[in-house]
């Protein structure tokens, strides 16, 4: 359970850094999301899950 909280904390650190360093770019990217088809968002989301899972498996060695 500690790993889960550490991972969530790391996500918040990375997202917070992006929003604080590049606020205008993050706003522009959020506005562009309205024009991306749901299927594309779904595919990108699933790819992100798969890559994230693979990274965890490689780091954990199992």
PDB file of N, CA and C in Angstrom:
ATOM      1  N   UNK A   1       0.828  -1.195   0.000  1.00  0.00           N
ATOM      2  CA  UNK A   1       0.000   0.000   0.000  1.00  0.00           C
ATOM      3  C   UNK A   1       0.874   1.261   0.000  1.00  0.00           C
ATOM      4  N   UNK A   2       2.041   1.162   0.638  1.00  0.00           N
ATOM      5  CA  UNK A   2       2.940   2.313   0.642  1.00  0.00           C
ATOM      6  C   UNK A   2       3.401   2.668  -0.768  1.00  0.00           C
ATOM      7  N   UNK A   3       3.601   1.639  -1.607  1.00  0.00           N
ATOM      8  CA  UNK A   3       4.015   1.896  -2.988  1.00  0.00           C
ATOM      9  C   UNK A   3       2.941   2.647  -3.761  1.00  0.00           C
ATOM     10  N   UNK A   4       1.689   2.317  -3.496  1.00  0.00           N
ATOM     11  CA  UNK A   4       0.599   3.004  -4.170  1.00  0.00           C
ATOM     12  C   UNK A   4       0.605   4.488  -3.828  1.00  0.00           C
ATOM     13  N   UNK A   5       0.750   4.808  -2.552  1.00  0.00           N
ATOM     14  CA  UNK A   5       0.781   6.215  -2.142  1.00  0.00           C
ATOM     15  C   UNK A   5       2.007   6.926  -2.699  1.00  0.00           C
ATOM     16  N   UNK A   6       3.136   6.225  -2.750  1.00  0.00           N
ATOM     17  CA  UNK A   6       4.344   6.823  -3.325  1.00  0.00           C
ATOM     18  C   UNK A   6       4.141   7.114  -4.811  1.00  0.00           C
ATOM     19  N   UNK A   7       3.499   6.172  -5.527  1.00  0.00           N
ATOM     20  CA  UNK A   7       3.246   6.375  -6.955  1.00  0.00           C
ATOM     21  C   UNK A   7       2.287   7.538  -7.184  1.00  0.00           C
ATOM     22  N   UNK A   8       1.234   7.612  -6.399  1.00  0.00           N
ATOM     23  CA  UNK A   8       0.286   8.724  -6.535  1.00  0.00           C
ATOM     24  C   UNK A   8       0.958  10.059  -6.220  1.00  0.00           C
ATOM     25  N   UNK A   9       1.802  10.058  -5.211  1.00  0.00           N
ATOM     26  CA  UNK A   9       2.543  11.275  -4.872  1.00  0.00           C
ATOM     27  C   UNK A   9       3.456  11.709  -6.005  1.00  0.00           C
ATOM     28  N   UNK A  10       4.115  10.739  -6.641  1.00  0.00           N
ATOM     29  CA  UNK A  10       4.998  11.055  -7.762  1.00  0.00           C
ATOM     30  C   UNK A  10       4.212  11.624  -8.939  1.00  0.00           C
ATOM     31  N   UNK A  11       3.039  11.093  -9.202  1.00  0.00           N
ATOM     32  CA  UNK A  11       2.179  11.638 -10.263  1.00  0.00           C
ATOM     33  C   UNK A  11       1.841  13.094  -9.964  1.00  0.00           C
ATOM     34  N   UNK A  12       1.492  13.389  -8.721  1.00  0.00           N
ATOM     35  CA  UNK A  12       1.154  14.767  -8.350  1.00  0.00           C
ATOM     36  C   UNK A  12       2.359  15.698  -8.481  1.00  0.00           C
ATOM     37  N   UNK A  13       3.534  15.212  -8.131  1.00  0.00           N
ATOM     38  CA  UNK A  13       4.748  16.025  -8.266  1.00  0.00           C
ATOM     39  C   UNK A  13       5.000  16.360  -9.733  1.00  0.00           C
ATOM     40  N   UNK A  14       4.914  15.350 -10.591  1.00  0.00           N
ATOM     41  CA  UNK A  14       5.178  15.579 -12.017  1.00  0.00           C
ATOM     42  C   UNK A  14       4.120  16.497 -12.628  1.00  0.00           C
ATOM     43  N   UNK A  15       2.857  16.234 -12.347  1.00  0.00           N
ATOM     44  CA  UNK A  15       1.798  17.090 -12.898  1.00  0.00           C
ATOM     45  C   UNK A  15       1.901  18.511 -12.351  1.00  0.00           C
ATOM     46  N   UNK A  16       2.165  18.629 -11.073  1.00  0.00           N
ATOM     47  CA  UNK A  16       2.307  19.959 -10.483  1.00  0.00           C
ATOM     48  C   UNK A  16       3.462  20.733 -11.094  1.00  0.00           C
ATOM     49  N   UNK A  17       4.563  20.034 -11.362  1.00  0.00           N
ATOM     50  CA  UNK A  17       5.717  20.688 -11.983  1.00  0.00           C
ATOM     51  C   UNK A  17       5.358  21.186 -13.371  1.00  0.00           C
ATOM     52  N   UNK A  18       4.653  20.365 -14.140  1.00  0.00           N
ATOM     53  CA  UNK A  18       4.261  20.784 -15.488  1.00  0.00           C
ATOM     54  C   UNK A  18       3.358  22.007 -15.457  1.00  0.00           C
ATOM     55  N   UNK A  19       2.366  22.004 -14.564  1.00  0.00           N
ATOM     56  CA  UNK A  19       1.438  23.146 -14.482  1.00  0.00           C
ATOM     57  C   UNK A  19       2.132  24.404 -13.974  1.00  0.00           C
ATOM     58  N   UNK A  20       3.098  24.259 -13.090  1.00  0.00           N
ATOM     59  CA  UNK A  20       3.763  25.448 -12.570  1.00  0.00           C
ATOM     60  C   UNK A  20       4.830  25.977 -13.525  1.00  0.00           C
ATOM     61  N   UNK A  21       5.481  25.096 -14.282  1.00  0.00           N
ATOM     62  CA  UNK A  21       6.524  25.539 -15.205  1.00  0.00           C
ATOM     63  C   UNK A  21       5.974  26.009 -16.550  1.00  0.00           C
ATOM     64  N   UNK A  22       4.885  25.387 -17.000  1.00  0.00           N
ATOM     65  CA  UNK A  22       4.328  25.687 -18.331  1.00  0.00           C
ATOM     66  C   UNK A  22       2.816  25.904 -18.275  1.00  0.00           C
ATOM     67  N   UNK A  23       2.333  26.888 -17.506  1.00  0.00           N
ATOM     68  CA  UNK A  23       0.880  27.033 -17.360  1.00  0.00           C
ATOM     69  C   UNK A  23       0.160  27.346 -18.673  1.00  0.00           C
ATOM     70  N   UNK A  24       0.733  28.210 -19.507  1.00  0.00           N
ATOM     71  CA  UNK A  24       0.064  28.557 -20.759  1.00  0.00           C
ATOM     72  C   UNK A  24      -0.025  27.344 -21.682  1.00  0.00           C
ATOM     73  N   UNK A  25       1.042  26.564 -21.752  1.00  0.00           N
ATOM     74  CA  UNK A  25       1.056  25.381 -22.623  1.00  0.00           C
ATOM     75  C   UNK A  25       0.073  24.330 -22.129  1.00  0.00           C
ATOM     76  N   UNK A  26      -0.056  24.175 -20.820  1.00  0.00           N
ATOM     77  CA  UNK A  26      -0.991  23.194 -20.273  1.00  0.00           C
ATOM     78  C   UNK A  26      -2.435  23.599 -20.572  1.00  0.00           C
ATOM     79  N   UNK A  27      -2.722  24.898 -20.506  1.00  0.00           N
ATOM     80  CA  UNK A  27      -4.058  25.382 -20.836  1.00  0.00           C
ATOM     81  C   UNK A  27      -4.353  25.139 -22.312  1.00  0.00           C
ATOM     82  N   UNK A  28      -3.380  25.422 -23.168  1.00  0.00           N
ATOM     83  CA  UNK A  28      -3.568  25.201 -24.604  1.00  0.00           C
ATOM     84  C   UNK A  28      -3.796  23.718 -24.900  1.00  0.00           C
ATOM     85  N   UNK A  29      -3.054  22.846 -24.236  1.00  0.00           N
ATOM     86  CA  UNK A  29      -3.225  21.411 -24.454  1.00  0.00           C
ATOM     87  C   UNK A  29      -4.604  20.949 -23.983  1.00  0.00           C
ATOM     88  N   UNK A  30      -5.066  21.490 -22.855  1.00  0.00           N
ATOM     89  CA  UNK A  30      -6.388  21.115 -22.349  1.00  0.00           C
ATOM     90  C   UNK A  30      -7.481  21.555 -23.319  1.00  0.00           C
ATOM     91  N   UNK A  31      -7.324  22.719 -23.915  1.00  0.00           N
ATOM     92  CA  UNK A  31      -8.314  23.196 -24.890  1.00  0.00           C
ATOM     93  C   UNK A  31      -8.328  22.315 -26.132  1.00  0.00           C
ATOM     94  N   UNK A  32      -7.185  21.785 -26.525  1.00  0.00           N
ATOM     95  CA  UNK A  32      -7.108  20.932 -27.710  1.00  0.00           C
ATOM     96  C   UNK A  32      -7.762  19.575 -27.488  1.00  0.00           C
ATOM     97  N   UNK A  33      -7.885  19.148 -26.238  1.00  0.00           N
ATOM     98  CA  UNK A  33      -8.491  17.848 -25.940  1.00  0.00           C
ATOM     99  C   UNK A  33      -9.929  17.759 -26.433  1.00  0.00           C
ATOM    100  N   UNK A  34     -10.618  18.888 -26.485  1.00  0.00           N
ATOM    101  CA  UNK A  34     -12.006  18.898 -26.959  1.00  0.00           C
ATOM    102  C   UNK A  34     -12.114  18.448 -28.411  1.00  0.00           C
ATOM    103  N   UNK A  35     -11.039  18.589 -29.155  1.00  0.00           N
ATOM    104  CA  UNK A  35     -11.060  18.277 -30.579  1.00  0.00           C
ATOM    105  C   UNK A  35     -10.516  16.879 -30.896  1.00  0.00           C
ATOM    106  N   UNK A  36     -10.068  16.166 -29.882  1.00  0.00           N
ATOM    107  CA  UNK A  36      -9.531  14.815 -30.089  1.00  0.00           C
ATOM    108  C   UNK A  36     -10.690  13.825 -29.988  1.00  0.00           C
ATOM    109  N   UNK A  37     -10.809  12.939 -30.955  1.00  0.00           N
ATOM    110  CA  UNK A  37     -11.891  11.957 -30.910  1.00  0.00           C
ATOM    111  C   UNK A  37     -11.771  11.034 -29.686  1.00  0.00           C
ATOM    112  N   UNK A  38     -12.918  10.644 -29.107  1.00  0.00           N
ATOM    113  CA  UNK A  38     -12.891   9.771 -27.935  1.00  0.00           C
ATOM    114  C   UNK A  38     -12.106   8.473 -28.165  1.00  0.00           C
ATOM    115  N   UNK A  39     -12.207   7.928 -29.368  1.00  0.00           N
ATOM    116  CA  UNK A  39     -11.474   6.687 -29.663  1.00  0.00           C
ATOM    117  C   UNK A  39      -9.958   6.895 -29.519  1.00  0.00           C
ATOM    118  N   UNK A  40      -9.470   8.031 -29.988  1.00  0.00           N
ATOM    119  CA  UNK A  40      -8.040   8.337 -29.879  1.00  0.00           C
ATOM    120  C   UNK A  40      -7.632   8.469 -28.418  1.00  0.00           C
ATOM    121  N   UNK A  41      -8.456   9.173 -27.633  1.00  0.00           N
ATOM    122  CA  UNK A  41      -8.161   9.310 -26.204  1.00  0.00           C
ATOM    123  C   UNK A  41      -8.136   7.944 -25.524  1.00  0.00           C
ATOM    124  N   UNK A  42      -9.061   7.077 -25.897  1.00  0.00           N
ATOM    125  CA  UNK A  42      -9.132   5.736 -25.318  1.00  0.00           C
ATOM    126  C   UNK A  42      -7.878   4.936 -25.646  1.00  0.00           C
ATOM    127  N   UNK A  43      -7.442   4.997 -26.912  1.00  0.00           N
ATOM    128  CA  UNK A  43      -6.248   4.260 -27.331  1.00  0.00           C
ATOM    129  C   UNK A  43      -5.009   4.788 -26.610  1.00  0.00           C
ATOM    130  N   UNK A  44      -4.874   6.102 -26.538  1.00  0.00           N
ATOM    131  CA  UNK A  44      -3.732   6.688 -25.842  1.00  0.00           C
ATOM    132  C   UNK A  44      -3.762   6.312 -24.353  1.00  0.00           C
ATOM    133  N   UNK A  45      -4.936   6.322 -23.753  1.00  0.00           N
ATOM    134  CA  UNK A  45      -5.068   5.928 -22.354  1.00  0.00           C
ATOM    135  C   UNK A  45      -4.672   4.482 -22.128  1.00  0.00           C
ATOM    136  N   UNK A  46      -5.136   3.593 -23.006  1.00  0.00           N
ATOM    137  CA  UNK A  46      -4.782   2.176 -22.871  1.00  0.00           C
ATOM    138  C   UNK A  46      -3.289   1.945 -23.089  1.00  0.00           C
ATOM    139  N   UNK A  47      -2.710   2.658 -24.047  1.00  0.00           N
ATOM    140  CA  UNK A  47      -1.260   2.552 -24.255  1.00  0.00           C
ATOM    141  C   UNK A  47      -0.492   3.045 -23.041  1.00  0.00           C
ATOM    142  N   UNK A  48      -0.970   4.121 -22.424  1.00  0.00           N
ATOM    143  CA  UNK A  48      -0.320   4.637 -21.220  1.00  0.00           C
ATOM    144  C   UNK A  48      -0.382   3.625 -20.085  1.00  0.00           C
ATOM    145  N   UNK A  49      -1.528   2.983 -19.933  1.00  0.00           N
ATOM    146  CA  UNK A  49      -1.671   1.954 -18.903  1.00  0.00           C
ATOM    147  C   UNK A  49      -0.692   0.812 -19.165  1.00  0.00           C
ATOM    148  N   UNK A  50      -0.620   0.354 -20.417  1.00  0.00           N
ATOM    149  CA  UNK A  50       0.261  -0.759 -20.757  1.00  0.00           C
ATOM    150  C   UNK A  50       1.728  -0.409 -20.531  1.00  0.00           C
ATOM    151  N   UNK A  51       2.139   0.777 -20.947  1.00  0.00           N
ATOM    152  CA  UNK A  51       3.530   1.199 -20.759  1.00  0.00           C
ATOM    153  C   UNK A  51       3.843   1.365 -19.278  1.00  0.00           C
ATOM    154  N   UNK A  52       2.922   1.962 -18.537  1.00  0.00           N
ATOM    155  CA  UNK A  52       3.123   2.116 -17.097  1.00  0.00           C
ATOM    156  C   UNK A  52       3.226   0.777 -16.392  1.00  0.00           C
ATOM    157  N   UNK A  53       2.360  -0.159 -16.762  1.00  0.00           N
ATOM    158  CA  UNK A  53       2.391  -1.500 -16.169  1.00  0.00           C
ATOM    159  C   UNK A  53       3.714  -2.181 -16.475  1.00  0.00           C
ATOM    160  N   UNK A  54       4.184  -2.058 -17.728  1.00  0.00           N
ATOM    161  CA  UNK A  54       5.449  -2.658 -18.122  1.00  0.00           C
ATOM    162  C   UNK A  54       6.614  -2.054 -17.336  1.00  0.00           C
ATOM    163  N   UNK A  55       6.597  -0.743 -17.161  1.00  0.00           N
ATOM    164  CA  UNK A  55       7.647  -0.098 -16.364  1.00  0.00           C
ATOM    165  C   UNK A  55       7.680  -0.619 -14.941  1.00  0.00           C
ATOM    166  N   UNK A  56       6.530  -0.754 -14.341  1.00  0.00           N
ATOM    167  CA  UNK A  56       6.462  -1.270 -12.971  1.00  0.00           C
ATOM    168  C   UNK A  56       6.979  -2.709 -12.923  1.00  0.00           C
ATOM    169  N   UNK A  57       6.579  -3.531 -13.888  1.00  0.00           N
ATOM    170  CA  UNK A  57       7.034  -4.920 -13.926  1.00  0.00           C
ATOM    171  C   UNK A  57       8.552  -4.992 -14.077  1.00  0.00           C
ATOM    172  N   UNK A  58       9.127  -4.138 -14.932  1.00  0.00           N
ATOM    173  CA  UNK A  58      10.574  -4.155 -15.121  1.00  0.00           C
ATOM    174  C   UNK A  58      11.329  -3.698 -13.879  1.00  0.00           C
ATOM    175  N   UNK A  59      10.808  -2.661 -13.215  1.00  0.00           N
ATOM    176  CA  UNK A  59      11.463  -2.147 -12.002  1.00  0.00           C
ATOM    177  C   UNK A  59      11.341  -3.148 -10.871  1.00  0.00           C
ATOM    178  N   UNK A  60      10.206  -3.791 -10.753  1.00  0.00           N
ATOM    179  CA  UNK A  60       9.972  -4.751  -9.670  1.00  0.00           C
ATOM    180  C   UNK A  60      10.623  -6.103  -9.933  1.00  0.00           C
ATOM    181  N   UNK A  61      11.046  -6.332 -11.158  1.00  0.00           N
ATOM    182  CA  UNK A  61      11.726  -7.562 -11.496  1.00  0.00           C
ATOM    183  C   UNK A  61      10.839  -8.784 -11.537  1.00  0.00           C
ATOM    184  N   UNK A  62       9.587  -8.612 -11.791  1.00  0.00           N
ATOM    185  CA  UNK A  62       8.752  -9.796 -11.787  1.00  0.00           C
ATOM    186  C   UNK A  62       7.692  -9.730 -12.787  1.00  0.00           C
TER     187      UNK A  62
END
